[in-house]
Amino acid sequence: MYDINGEFYHTTTVYGYIIKDNSEFNYCAMLNIMNSQILWWYLKHTGTVLANGYFRYKPTYLKDFPLPLINKSEMEKLSSLNQHDKTSDRFIGLLFGLDDNDIDFISRT
């Protein structure tokens, strides 16, 4: 299916998320967490692998993934991170209470 302008294609299975008005998180922060090595490591170890090594990104697989409790300055930094930067994954790992050994282990696997 394409969108109304014929620009974006997706299959019939599309998921999204809406942040509640009273949430401490914003979309940039959530995007950085959802693209982090930590979340992908979690999905690889709790989800199912599809053909060719693909993973499903279903709400069912994400519902038990915890979000860290963070303060305003951490939220601002999390919102402004470059998603494909090792420093970003390290910062996100620290938000989850992981130490350097844990973060290095996740980045290797």
PDB file of N, CA and C in Angstrom:
ATOM      1  N   MET A   1       0.835  -1.176   0.000  1.00  0.00           N
ATOM      2  CA  MET A   1       0.000   0.000   0.000  1.00  0.00           C
ATOM      3  C   MET A   1       0.886   1.248   0.000  1.00  0.00           C
ATOM      4  N   TYR A   2       0.488   2.214  -0.766  1.00  0.00           N
ATOM      5  CA  TYR A   2       1.172   3.500  -0.778  1.00  0.00           C
ATOM      6  C   TYR A   2       0.312   4.534  -0.059  1.00  0.00           C
ATOM      7  N   ASP A   3       0.941   5.602   0.395  1.00  0.00           N
ATOM      8  CA  ASP A   3       0.155   6.679   1.001  1.00  0.00           C
ATOM      9  C   ASP A   3      -0.582   7.447  -0.097  1.00  0.00           C
ATOM     10  N   ILE A   4      -1.333   8.427   0.297  1.00  0.00           N
ATOM     11  CA  ILE A   4      -2.180   9.169  -0.634  1.00  0.00           C
ATOM     12  C   ILE A   4      -1.395   9.818  -1.767  1.00  0.00           C
ATOM     13  N   ASN A   5      -0.121  10.137  -1.532  1.00  0.00           N
ATOM     14  CA  ASN A   5       0.730  10.746  -2.553  1.00  0.00           C
ATOM     15  C   ASN A   5       1.538   9.712  -3.335  1.00  0.00           C
ATOM     16  N   GLY A   6       1.383   8.430  -2.975  1.00  0.00           N
ATOM     17  CA  GLY A   6       2.131   7.380  -3.644  1.00  0.00           C
ATOM     18  C   GLY A   6       3.601   7.357  -3.292  1.00  0.00           C
ATOM     19  N   GLU A   7       3.962   7.880  -2.117  1.00  0.00           N
ATOM     20  CA  GLU A   7       5.369   8.014  -1.750  1.00  0.00           C
ATOM     21  C   GLU A   7       5.886   6.937  -0.806  1.00  0.00           C
ATOM     22  N   PHE A   8       5.091   6.515   0.161  1.00  0.00           N
ATOM     23  CA  PHE A   8       5.582   5.594   1.177  1.00  0.00           C
ATOM     24  C   PHE A   8       4.860   4.261   1.053  1.00  0.00           C
ATOM     25  N   TYR A   9       5.635   3.216   0.911  1.00  0.00           N
ATOM     26  CA  TYR A   9       5.069   1.876   0.765  1.00  0.00           C
ATOM     27  C   TYR A   9       5.179   1.122   2.079  1.00  0.00           C
ATOM     28  N   HIS A  10       4.162   0.362   2.384  1.00  0.00           N
ATOM     29  CA  HIS A  10       4.226  -0.560   3.517  1.00  0.00           C
ATOM     30  C   HIS A  10       3.330  -1.749   3.231  1.00  0.00           C
ATOM     31  N   THR A  11       3.590  -2.819   3.909  1.00  0.00           N
ATOM     32  CA  THR A  11       2.742  -4.000   3.781  1.00  0.00           C
ATOM     33  C   THR A  11       1.484  -3.777   4.609  1.00  0.00           C
ATOM     34  N   THR A  12       0.674  -4.799   4.732  1.00  0.00           N
ATOM     35  CA  THR A  12      -0.574  -4.652   5.478  1.00  0.00           C
ATOM     36  C   THR A  12      -0.358  -4.650   6.992  1.00  0.00           C
ATOM     37  N   THR A  13       0.832  -5.001   7.440  1.00  0.00           N
ATOM     38  CA  THR A  13       1.118  -5.019   8.870  1.00  0.00           C
ATOM     39  C   THR A  13       1.984  -3.816   9.223  1.00  0.00           C
ATOM     40  N   VAL A  14       1.373  -2.792   9.785  1.00  0.00           N
ATOM     41  CA  VAL A  14       2.084  -1.572  10.152  1.00  0.00           C
ATOM     42  C   VAL A  14       1.751  -1.251  11.608  1.00  0.00           C
ATOM     43  N   TYR A  15       2.778  -0.947  12.385  1.00  0.00           N
ATOM     44  CA  TYR A  15       2.587  -0.599  13.782  1.00  0.00           C
ATOM     45  C   TYR A  15       3.136   0.794  14.037  1.00  0.00           C
ATOM     46  N   GLY A  16       2.578   1.460  14.989  1.00  0.00           N
ATOM     47  CA  GLY A  16       3.067   2.757  15.401  1.00  0.00           C
ATOM     48  C   GLY A  16       2.815   2.927  16.889  1.00  0.00           C
ATOM     49  N   TYR A  17       3.201   4.046  17.402  1.00  0.00           N
ATOM     50  CA  TYR A  17       2.948   4.305  18.810  1.00  0.00           C
ATOM     51  C   TYR A  17       2.582   5.766  18.990  1.00  0.00           C
ATOM     52  N   ILE A  18       1.796   6.022  19.998  1.00  0.00           N
ATOM     53  CA  ILE A  18       1.385   7.375  20.350  1.00  0.00           C
ATOM     54  C   ILE A  18       1.783   7.597  21.803  1.00  0.00           C
ATOM     55  N   ILE A  19       2.477   8.678  22.054  1.00  0.00           N
ATOM     56  CA  ILE A  19       2.904   8.991  23.418  1.00  0.00           C
ATOM     57  C   ILE A  19       1.775   9.722  24.128  1.00  0.00           C
ATOM     58  N   LYS A  20       1.447   9.264  25.317  1.00  0.00           N
ATOM     59  CA  LYS A  20       0.388   9.900  26.097  1.00  0.00           C
ATOM     60  C   LYS A  20       0.790  11.323  26.486  1.00  0.00           C
ATOM     61  N   ASP A  21      -0.219  12.184  26.631  1.00  0.00           N
ATOM     62  CA  ASP A  21       0.043  13.585  26.970  1.00  0.00           C
ATOM     63  C   ASP A  21       0.826  13.753  28.270  1.00  0.00           C
ATOM     64  N   ASN A  22       0.617  12.873  29.230  1.00  0.00           N
ATOM     65  CA  ASN A  22       1.273  13.010  30.530  1.00  0.00           C
ATOM     66  C   ASN A  22       2.629  12.287  30.604  1.00  0.00           C
ATOM     67  N   SER A  23       3.127  11.801  29.481  1.00  0.00           N
ATOM     68  CA  SER A  23       4.392  11.079  29.461  1.00  0.00           C
ATOM     69  C   SER A  23       5.572  12.033  29.584  1.00  0.00           C
ATOM     70  N   GLU A  24       6.614  11.561  30.241  1.00  0.00           N
ATOM     71  CA  GLU A  24       7.862  12.314  30.339  1.00  0.00           C
ATOM     72  C   GLU A  24       8.650  12.245  29.025  1.00  0.00           C
ATOM     73  N   PHE A  25       8.344  11.253  28.186  1.00  0.00           N
ATOM     74  CA  PHE A  25       9.093  11.025  26.956  1.00  0.00           C
ATOM     75  C   PHE A  25       8.523  11.830  25.799  1.00  0.00           C
ATOM     76  N   ASN A  26       9.383  12.114  24.829  1.00  0.00           N
ATOM     77  CA  ASN A  26       8.940  12.735  23.587  1.00  0.00           C
ATOM     78  C   ASN A  26       9.336  11.804  22.443  1.00  0.00           C
ATOM     79  N   TYR A  27       8.899  12.114  21.236  1.00  0.00           N
ATOM     80  CA  TYR A  27       9.134  11.218  20.111  1.00  0.00           C
ATOM     81  C   TYR A  27      10.615  11.067  19.753  1.00  0.00           C
ATOM     82  N   CYS A  28      11.392  12.115  19.859  1.00  0.00           N
ATOM     83  CA  CYS A  28      12.829  12.001  19.554  1.00  0.00           C
ATOM     84  C   CYS A  28      13.515  11.066  20.541  1.00  0.00           C
ATOM     85  N   ALA A  29      13.179  11.186  21.810  1.00  0.00           N
ATOM     86  CA  ALA A  29      13.763  10.313  22.832  1.00  0.00           C
ATOM     87  C   ALA A  29      13.355   8.863  22.591  1.00  0.00           C
ATOM     88  N   MET A  30      12.076   8.643  22.298  1.00  0.00           N
ATOM     89  CA  MET A  30      11.600   7.278  22.051  1.00  0.00           C
ATOM     90  C   MET A  30      12.258   6.692  20.810  1.00  0.00           C
ATOM     91  N   LEU A  31      12.420   7.496  19.771  1.00  0.00           N
ATOM     92  CA  LEU A  31      13.065   7.011  18.557  1.00  0.00           C
ATOM     93  C   LEU A  31      14.495   6.571  18.854  1.00  0.00           C
ATOM     94  N   ASN A  32      15.203   7.342  19.661  1.00  0.00           N
ATOM     95  CA  ASN A  32      16.576   6.964  20.011  1.00  0.00           C
ATOM     96  C   ASN A  32      16.614   5.672  20.817  1.00  0.00           C
ATOM     97  N   ILE A  33      15.682   5.490  21.732  1.00  0.00           N
ATOM     98  CA  ILE A  33      15.634   4.230  22.489  1.00  0.00           C
ATOM     99  C   ILE A  33      15.266   3.076  21.561  1.00  0.00           C
ATOM    100  N   MET A  34      14.273   3.284  20.692  1.00  0.00           N
ATOM    101  CA  MET A  34      13.824   2.201  19.816  1.00  0.00           C
ATOM    102  C   MET A  34      14.865   1.825  18.759  1.00  0.00           C
ATOM    103  N   ASN A  35      15.771   2.726  18.453  1.00  0.00           N
ATOM    104  CA  ASN A  35      16.846   2.418  17.509  1.00  0.00           C
ATOM    105  C   ASN A  35      18.150   2.038  18.203  1.00  0.00           C
ATOM    106  N   SER A  36      18.120   1.918  19.511  1.00  0.00           N
ATOM    107  CA  SER A  36      19.350   1.630  20.254  1.00  0.00           C
ATOM    108  C   SER A  36      19.731   0.151  20.165  1.00  0.00           C
ATOM    109  N   GLN A  37      21.006  -0.110  20.370  1.00  0.00           N
ATOM    110  CA  GLN A  37      21.485  -1.497  20.410  1.00  0.00           C
ATOM    111  C   GLN A  37      20.838  -2.267  21.542  1.00  0.00           C
ATOM    112  N   ILE A  38      20.496  -1.586  22.610  1.00  0.00           N
ATOM    113  CA  ILE A  38      19.879  -2.258  23.761  1.00  0.00           C
ATOM    114  C   ILE A  38      18.528  -2.838  23.385  1.00  0.00           C
ATOM    115  N   LEU A  39      17.704  -2.034  22.708  1.00  0.00           N
ATOM    116  CA  LEU A  39      16.397  -2.557  22.306  1.00  0.00           C
ATOM    117  C   LEU A  39      16.555  -3.672  21.287  1.00  0.00           C
ATOM    118  N   TRP A  40      17.455  -3.529  20.325  1.00  0.00           N
ATOM    119  CA  TRP A  40      17.644  -4.588  19.335  1.00  0.00           C
ATOM    120  C   TRP A  40      18.170  -5.863  19.984  1.00  0.00           C
ATOM    121  N   TRP A  41      19.038  -5.729  20.954  1.00  0.00           N
ATOM    122  CA  TRP A  41      19.517  -6.905  21.687  1.00  0.00           C
ATOM    123  C   TRP A  41      18.338  -7.581  22.377  1.00  0.00           C
ATOM    124  N   TYR A  42      17.482  -6.783  22.996  1.00  0.00           N
ATOM    125  CA  TYR A  42      16.294  -7.313  23.671  1.00  0.00           C
ATOM    126  C   TYR A  42      15.397  -8.056  22.676  1.00  0.00           C
ATOM    127  N   LEU A  43      15.133  -7.454  21.534  1.00  0.00           N
ATOM    128  CA  LEU A  43      14.275  -8.103  20.533  1.00  0.00           C
ATOM    129  C   LEU A  43      14.883  -9.406  20.030  1.00  0.00           C
ATOM    130  N   LYS A  44      16.198  -9.416  19.819  1.00  0.00           N
ATOM    131  CA  LYS A  44      16.862 -10.628  19.342  1.00  0.00           C
ATOM    132  C   LYS A  44      16.740 -11.772  20.347  1.00  0.00           C
ATOM    133  N   HIS A  45      16.660 -11.429  21.629  1.00  0.00           N
ATOM    134  CA  HIS A  45      16.626 -12.463  22.662  1.00  0.00           C
ATOM    135  C   HIS A  45      15.225 -12.779  23.178  1.00  0.00           C
ATOM    136  N   THR A  46      14.238 -12.025  22.765  1.00  0.00           N
ATOM    137  CA  THR A  46      12.870 -12.289  23.238  1.00  0.00           C
ATOM    138  C   THR A  46      11.870 -12.474  22.098  1.00  0.00           C
ATOM    139  N   GLY A  47      12.206 -12.016  20.902  1.00  0.00           N
ATOM    140  CA  GLY A  47      11.278 -12.097  19.773  1.00  0.00           C
ATOM    141  C   GLY A  47      11.542 -13.322  18.921  1.00  0.00           C
ATOM    142  N   THR A  48      10.898 -13.366  17.777  1.00  0.00           N
ATOM    143  CA  THR A  48      11.094 -14.473  16.850  1.00  0.00           C
ATOM    144  C   THR A  48      11.770 -13.947  15.591  1.00  0.00           C
ATOM    145  N   VAL A  49      12.620 -14.785  15.023  1.00  0.00           N
ATOM    146  CA  VAL A  49      13.336 -14.432  13.807  1.00  0.00           C
ATOM    147  C   VAL A  49      12.510 -14.888  12.616  1.00  0.00           C
ATOM    148  N   LEU A  50      12.346 -14.000  11.654  1.00  0.00           N
ATOM    149  CA  LEU A  50      11.639 -14.329  10.425  1.00  0.00           C
ATOM    150  C   LEU A  50      12.644 -14.774   9.367  1.00  0.00           C
ATOM    151  N   ALA A  51      12.165 -15.018   8.177  1.00  0.00           N
ATOM    152  CA  ALA A  51      13.044 -15.407   7.075  1.00  0.00           C
ATOM    153  C   ALA A  51      14.120 -14.345   6.857  1.00  0.00           C
ATOM    154  N   ASN A  52      15.289 -14.787   6.475  1.00  0.00           N
ATOM    155  CA  ASN A  52      16.430 -13.917   6.178  1.00  0.00           C
ATOM    156  C   ASN A  52      16.909 -13.105   7.376  1.00  0.00           C
ATOM    157  N   GLY A  53      16.598 -13.530   8.592  1.00  0.00           N
ATOM    158  CA  GLY A  53      17.115 -12.877   9.790  1.00  0.00           C
ATOM    159  C   GLY A  53      16.382 -11.625  10.221  1.00  0.00           C
ATOM    160  N   TYR A  54      15.214 -11.358   9.666  1.00  0.00           N
ATOM    161  CA  TYR A  54      14.444 -10.176  10.057  1.00  0.00           C
ATOM    162  C   TYR A  54      13.710 -10.429  11.359  1.00  0.00           C
ATOM    163  N   PHE A  55      13.427  -9.344  12.092  1.00  0.00           N
ATOM    164  CA  PHE A  55      12.693  -9.430  13.345  1.00  0.00           C
ATOM    165  C   PHE A  55      11.398  -8.651  13.237  1.00  0.00           C
ATOM    166  N   ARG A  56      10.396  -9.112  13.958  1.00  0.00           N
ATOM    167  CA  ARG A  56       9.150  -8.361  14.033  1.00  0.00           C
ATOM    168  C   ARG A  56       9.298  -7.284  15.096  1.00  0.00           C
ATOM    169  N   TYR A  57       8.705  -6.165  14.814  1.00  0.00           N
ATOM    170  CA  TYR A  57       8.729  -5.029  15.739  1.00  0.00           C
ATOM    171  C   TYR A  57       7.302  -4.815  16.215  1.00  0.00           C
ATOM    172  N   LYS A  58       6.735  -5.868  16.806  1.00  0.00           N
ATOM    173  CA  LYS A  58       5.327  -5.839  17.214  1.00  0.00           C
ATOM    174  C   LYS A  58       5.171  -5.266  18.622  1.00  0.00           C
ATOM    175  N   PRO A  59       4.047  -4.600  18.867  1.00  0.00           N
ATOM    176  CA  PRO A  59       3.788  -4.091  20.225  1.00  0.00           C
ATOM    177  C   PRO A  59       3.878  -5.190  21.283  1.00  0.00           C
ATOM    178  N   THR A  60       3.444  -6.391  20.951  1.00  0.00           N
ATOM    179  CA  THR A  60       3.508  -7.503  21.903  1.00  0.00           C
ATOM    180  C   THR A  60       4.935  -7.769  22.353  1.00  0.00           C
ATOM    181  N   TYR A  61       5.886  -7.633  21.442  1.00  0.00           N
ATOM    182  CA  TYR A  61       7.283  -7.891  21.781  1.00  0.00           C
ATOM    183  C   TYR A  61       7.923  -6.745  22.544  1.00  0.00           C
ATOM    184  N   LEU A  62       7.320  -5.572  22.464  1.00  0.00           N
ATOM    185  CA  LEU A  62       7.889  -4.393  23.118  1.00  0.00           C
ATOM    186  C   LEU A  62       7.259  -4.063  24.461  1.00  0.00           C
ATOM    187  N   LYS A  63       6.097  -4.619  24.753  1.00  0.00           N
ATOM    188  CA  LYS A  63       5.350  -4.195  25.946  1.00  0.00           C
ATOM    189  C   LYS A  63       6.102  -4.444  27.253  1.00  0.00           C
ATOM    190  N   ASP A  64       6.941  -5.459  27.309  1.00  0.00           N
ATOM    191  CA  ASP A  64       7.679  -5.740  28.546  1.00  0.00           C
ATOM    192  C   ASP A  64       9.050  -5.063  28.597  1.00  0.00           C
ATOM    193  N   PHE A  65       9.395  -4.334  27.540  1.00  0.00           N
ATOM    194  CA  PHE A  65      10.674  -3.627  27.520  1.00  0.00           C
ATOM    195  C   PHE A  65      10.553  -2.402  28.425  1.00  0.00           C
ATOM    196  N   PRO A  66      11.370  -2.320  29.466  1.00  0.00           N
ATOM    197  CA  PRO A  66      11.229  -1.206  30.417  1.00  0.00           C
ATOM    198  C   PRO A  66      11.838   0.082  29.871  1.00  0.00           C
ATOM    199  N   LEU A  67      11.256   1.179  30.245  1.00  0.00           N
ATOM    200  CA  LEU A  67      11.845   2.480  29.926  1.00  0.00           C
ATOM    201  C   LEU A  67      12.517   3.019  31.181  1.00  0.00           C
ATOM    202  N   PRO A  68      13.675   3.642  31.034  1.00  0.00           N
ATOM    203  CA  PRO A  68      14.386   4.135  32.217  1.00  0.00           C
ATOM    204  C   PRO A  68      13.694   5.365  32.815  1.00  0.00           C
ATOM    205  N   LEU A  69      13.849   5.523  34.103  1.00  0.00           N
ATOM    206  CA  LEU A  69      13.385   6.744  34.763  1.00  0.00           C
ATOM    207  C   LEU A  69      14.485   7.781  34.581  1.00  0.00           C
ATOM    208  N   ILE A  70      14.149   8.889  33.932  1.00  0.00           N
ATOM    209  CA  ILE A  70      15.175   9.885  33.641  1.00  0.00           C
ATOM    210  C   ILE A  70      14.702  11.280  34.008  1.00  0.00           C
ATOM    211  N   ASN A  71      15.669  12.139  34.261  1.00  0.00           N
ATOM    212  CA  ASN A  71      15.335  13.521  34.621  1.00  0.00           C
ATOM    213  C   ASN A  71      15.278  14.400  33.367  1.00  0.00           C
ATOM    214  N   LYS A  72      14.969  15.662  33.549  1.00  0.00           N
ATOM    215  CA  LYS A  72      14.767  16.574  32.424  1.00  0.00           C
ATOM    216  C   LYS A  72      16.029  16.751  31.576  1.00  0.00           C
ATOM    217  N   SER A  73      17.183  16.899  32.218  1.00  0.00           N
ATOM    218  CA  SER A  73      18.415  17.095  31.444  1.00  0.00           C
ATOM    219  C   SER A  73      18.780  15.827  30.665  1.00  0.00           C
ATOM    220  N   GLU A  74      18.540  14.653  31.251  1.00  0.00           N
ATOM    221  CA  GLU A  74      18.784  13.396  30.528  1.00  0.00           C
ATOM    222  C   GLU A  74      17.837  13.273  29.335  1.00  0.00           C
ATOM    223  N   MET A  75      16.579  13.713  29.521  1.00  0.00           N
ATOM    224  CA  MET A  75      15.604  13.677  28.428  1.00  0.00           C
ATOM    225  C   MET A  75      16.052  14.584  27.287  1.00  0.00           C
ATOM    226  N   GLU A  76      16.545  15.765  27.623  1.00  0.00           N
ATOM    227  CA  GLU A  76      17.021  16.684  26.586  1.00  0.00           C
ATOM    228  C   GLU A  76      18.186  16.079  25.814  1.00  0.00           C
ATOM    229  N   LYS A  77      19.117  15.468  26.523  1.00  0.00           N
ATOM    230  CA  LYS A  77      20.256  14.843  25.851  1.00  0.00           C
ATOM    231  C   LYS A  77      19.799  13.650  25.014  1.00  0.00           C
ATOM    232  N   LEU A  78      18.921  12.823  25.582  1.00  0.00           N
ATOM    233  CA  LEU A  78      18.402  11.662  24.863  1.00  0.00           C
ATOM    234  C   LEU A  78      17.690  12.092  23.587  1.00  0.00           C
ATOM    235  N   SER A  79      16.970  13.196  23.640  1.00  0.00           N
ATOM    236  CA  SER A  79      16.220  13.691  22.479  1.00  0.00           C
ATOM    237  C   SER A  79      17.122  14.211  21.377  1.00  0.00           C
ATOM    238  N   SER A  80      18.329  14.617  21.733  1.00  0.00           N
ATOM    239  CA  SER A  80      19.214  15.239  20.741  1.00  0.00           C
ATOM    240  C   SER A  80      20.331  14.319  20.252  1.00  0.00           C
ATOM    241  N   LEU A  81      20.319  13.062  20.638  1.00  0.00           N
ATOM    242  CA  LEU A  81      21.397  12.145  20.256  1.00  0.00           C
ATOM    243  C   LEU A  81      21.377  11.827  18.770  1.00  0.00           C
ATOM    244  N   ASN A  82      22.568  11.540  18.238  1.00  0.00           N
ATOM    245  CA  ASN A  82      22.700  10.995  16.892  1.00  0.00           C
ATOM    246  C   ASN A  82      22.437   9.498  17.026  1.00  0.00           C
ATOM    247  N   GLN A  83      21.446   8.985  16.332  1.00  0.00           N
ATOM    248  CA  GLN A  83      20.998   7.602  16.513  1.00  0.00           C
ATOM    249  C   GLN A  83      22.035   6.547  16.174  1.00  0.00           C
ATOM    250  N   HIS A  84      22.979   6.850  15.325  1.00  0.00           N
ATOM    251  CA  HIS A  84      23.921   5.822  14.876  1.00  0.00           C
ATOM    252  C   HIS A  84      25.325   6.110  15.379  1.00  0.00           C
ATOM    253  N   ASP A  85      25.417   6.441  16.638  1.00  0.00           N
ATOM    254  CA  ASP A  85      26.673   6.840  17.241  1.00  0.00           C
ATOM    255  C   ASP A  85      26.910   5.953  18.464  1.00  0.00           C
ATOM    256  N   LYS A  86      28.131   5.436  18.610  1.00  0.00           N
ATOM    257  CA  LYS A  86      28.446   4.588  19.767  1.00  0.00           C
ATOM    258  C   LYS A  86      28.228   5.332  21.077  1.00  0.00           C
ATOM    259  N   THR A  87      28.494   6.630  21.078  1.00  0.00           N
ATOM    260  CA  THR A  87      28.292   7.433  22.283  1.00  0.00           C
ATOM    261  C   THR A  87      26.823   7.422  22.685  1.00  0.00           C
ATOM    262  N   SER A  88      25.928   7.431  21.699  1.00  0.00           N
ATOM    263  CA  SER A  88      24.492   7.392  21.973  1.00  0.00           C
ATOM    264  C   SER A  88      24.110   6.096  22.666  1.00  0.00           C
ATOM    265  N   ASP A  89      24.601   4.967  22.147  1.00  0.00           N
ATOM    266  CA  ASP A  89      24.280   3.679  22.768  1.00  0.00           C
ATOM    267  C   ASP A  89      24.863   3.580  24.175  1.00  0.00           C
ATOM    268  N   ARG A  90      26.026   4.143  24.372  1.00  0.00           N
ATOM    269  CA  ARG A  90      26.626   4.131  25.710  1.00  0.00           C
ATOM    270  C   ARG A  90      25.771   4.960  26.674  1.00  0.00           C
ATOM    271  N   PHE A  91      25.356   6.136  26.242  1.00  0.00           N
ATOM    272  CA  PHE A  91      24.514   6.992  27.093  1.00  0.00           C
ATOM    273  C   PHE A  91      23.189   6.297  27.415  1.00  0.00           C
ATOM    274  N   ILE A  92      22.570   5.706  26.414  1.00  0.00           N
ATOM    275  CA  ILE A  92      21.303   4.999  26.637  1.00  0.00           C
ATOM    276  C   ILE A  92      21.522   3.823  27.577  1.00  0.00           C
ATOM    277  N   GLY A  93      22.619   3.112  27.409  1.00  0.00           N
ATOM    278  CA  GLY A  93      22.926   2.003  28.317  1.00  0.00           C
ATOM    279  C   GLY A  93      23.055   2.464  29.756  1.00  0.00           C
ATOM    280  N   LEU A  94      23.706   3.592  29.963  1.00  0.00           N
ATOM    281  CA  LEU A  94      23.857   4.131  31.321  1.00  0.00           C
ATOM    282  C   LEU A  94      22.498   4.521  31.899  1.00  0.00           C
ATOM    283  N   LEU A  95      21.587   5.031  31.050  1.00  0.00           N
ATOM    284  CA  LEU A  95      20.234   5.356  31.524  1.00  0.00           C
ATOM    285  C   LEU A  95      19.513   4.114  32.032  1.00  0.00           C
ATOM    286  N   PHE A  96      19.822   2.976  31.422  1.00  0.00           N
ATOM    287  CA  PHE A  96      19.208   1.714  31.830  1.00  0.00           C
ATOM    288  C   PHE A  96      19.936   1.066  33.006  1.00  0.00           C
ATOM    289  N   GLY A  97      20.962   1.730  33.511  1.00  0.00           N
ATOM    290  CA  GLY A  97      21.688   1.202  34.661  1.00  0.00           C
ATOM    291  C   GLY A  97      22.728   0.156  34.310  1.00  0.00           C
ATOM    292  N   LEU A  98      23.100   0.073  33.042  1.00  0.00           N
ATOM    293  CA  LEU A  98      24.116  -0.886  32.634  1.00  0.00           C
ATOM    294  C   LEU A  98      25.504  -0.297  32.869  1.00  0.00           C
ATOM    295  N   ASP A  99      26.470  -1.179  33.126  1.00  0.00           N
ATOM    296  CA  ASP A  99      27.842  -0.690  33.261  1.00  0.00           C
ATOM    297  C   ASP A  99      28.567  -0.874  31.926  1.00  0.00           C
ATOM    298  N   ASP A 100      29.805  -0.431  31.856  1.00  0.00           N
ATOM    299  CA  ASP A 100      30.561  -0.493  30.606  1.00  0.00           C
ATOM    300  C   ASP A 100      30.694  -1.917  30.074  1.00  0.00           C
ATOM    301  N   ASN A 101      30.874  -2.886  30.956  1.00  0.00           N
ATOM    302  CA  ASN A 101      30.986  -4.281  30.520  1.00  0.00           C
ATOM    303  C   ASN A 101      29.697  -4.760  29.866  1.00  0.00           C
ATOM    304  N   ASP A 102      28.540  -4.420  30.460  1.00  0.00           N
ATOM    305  CA  ASP A 102      27.246  -4.799  29.884  1.00  0.00           C
ATOM    306  C   ASP A 102      27.055  -4.161  28.512  1.00  0.00           C
ATOM    307  N   ILE A 103      27.365  -2.888  28.416  1.00  0.00           N
ATOM    308  CA  ILE A 103      27.186  -2.139  27.174  1.00  0.00           C
ATOM    309  C   ILE A 103      28.102  -2.723  26.088  1.00  0.00           C
ATOM    310  N   ASP A 104      29.329  -3.025  26.435  1.00  0.00           N
ATOM    311  CA  ASP A 104      30.261  -3.624  25.471  1.00  0.00           C
ATOM    312  C   ASP A 104      29.775  -4.998  25.020  1.00  0.00           C
ATOM    313  N   PHE A 105      29.252  -5.791  25.959  1.00  0.00           N
ATOM    314  CA  PHE A 105      28.720  -7.118  25.629  1.00  0.00           C
ATOM    315  C   PHE A 105      27.567  -6.990  24.624  1.00  0.00           C
ATOM    316  N   ILE A 106      26.638  -6.077  24.886  1.00  0.00           N
ATOM    317  CA  ILE A 106      25.493  -5.889  23.994  1.00  0.00           C
ATOM    318  C   ILE A 106      25.959  -5.433  22.613  1.00  0.00           C
ATOM    319  N   SER A 107      26.929  -4.562  22.565  1.00  0.00           N
ATOM    320  CA  SER A 107      27.398  -4.056  21.261  1.00  0.00           C
ATOM    321  C   SER A 107      28.121  -5.139  20.458  1.00  0.00           C
ATOM    322  N   ARG A 108      28.666  -6.154  21.131  1.00  0.00           N
ATOM    323  CA  ARG A 108      29.355  -7.241  20.434  1.00  0.00           C
ATOM    324  C   ARG A 108      28.414  -8.327  19.971  1.00  0.00           C
ATOM    325  N   THR A 109      27.239  -8.437  20.553  1.00  0.00           N
ATOM    326  CA  THR A 109      26.341  -9.559  20.213  1.00  0.00           C
ATOM    327  C   THR A 109      25.151  -9.130  19.400  1.00  0.00           C
TER     328      THR A 109
END
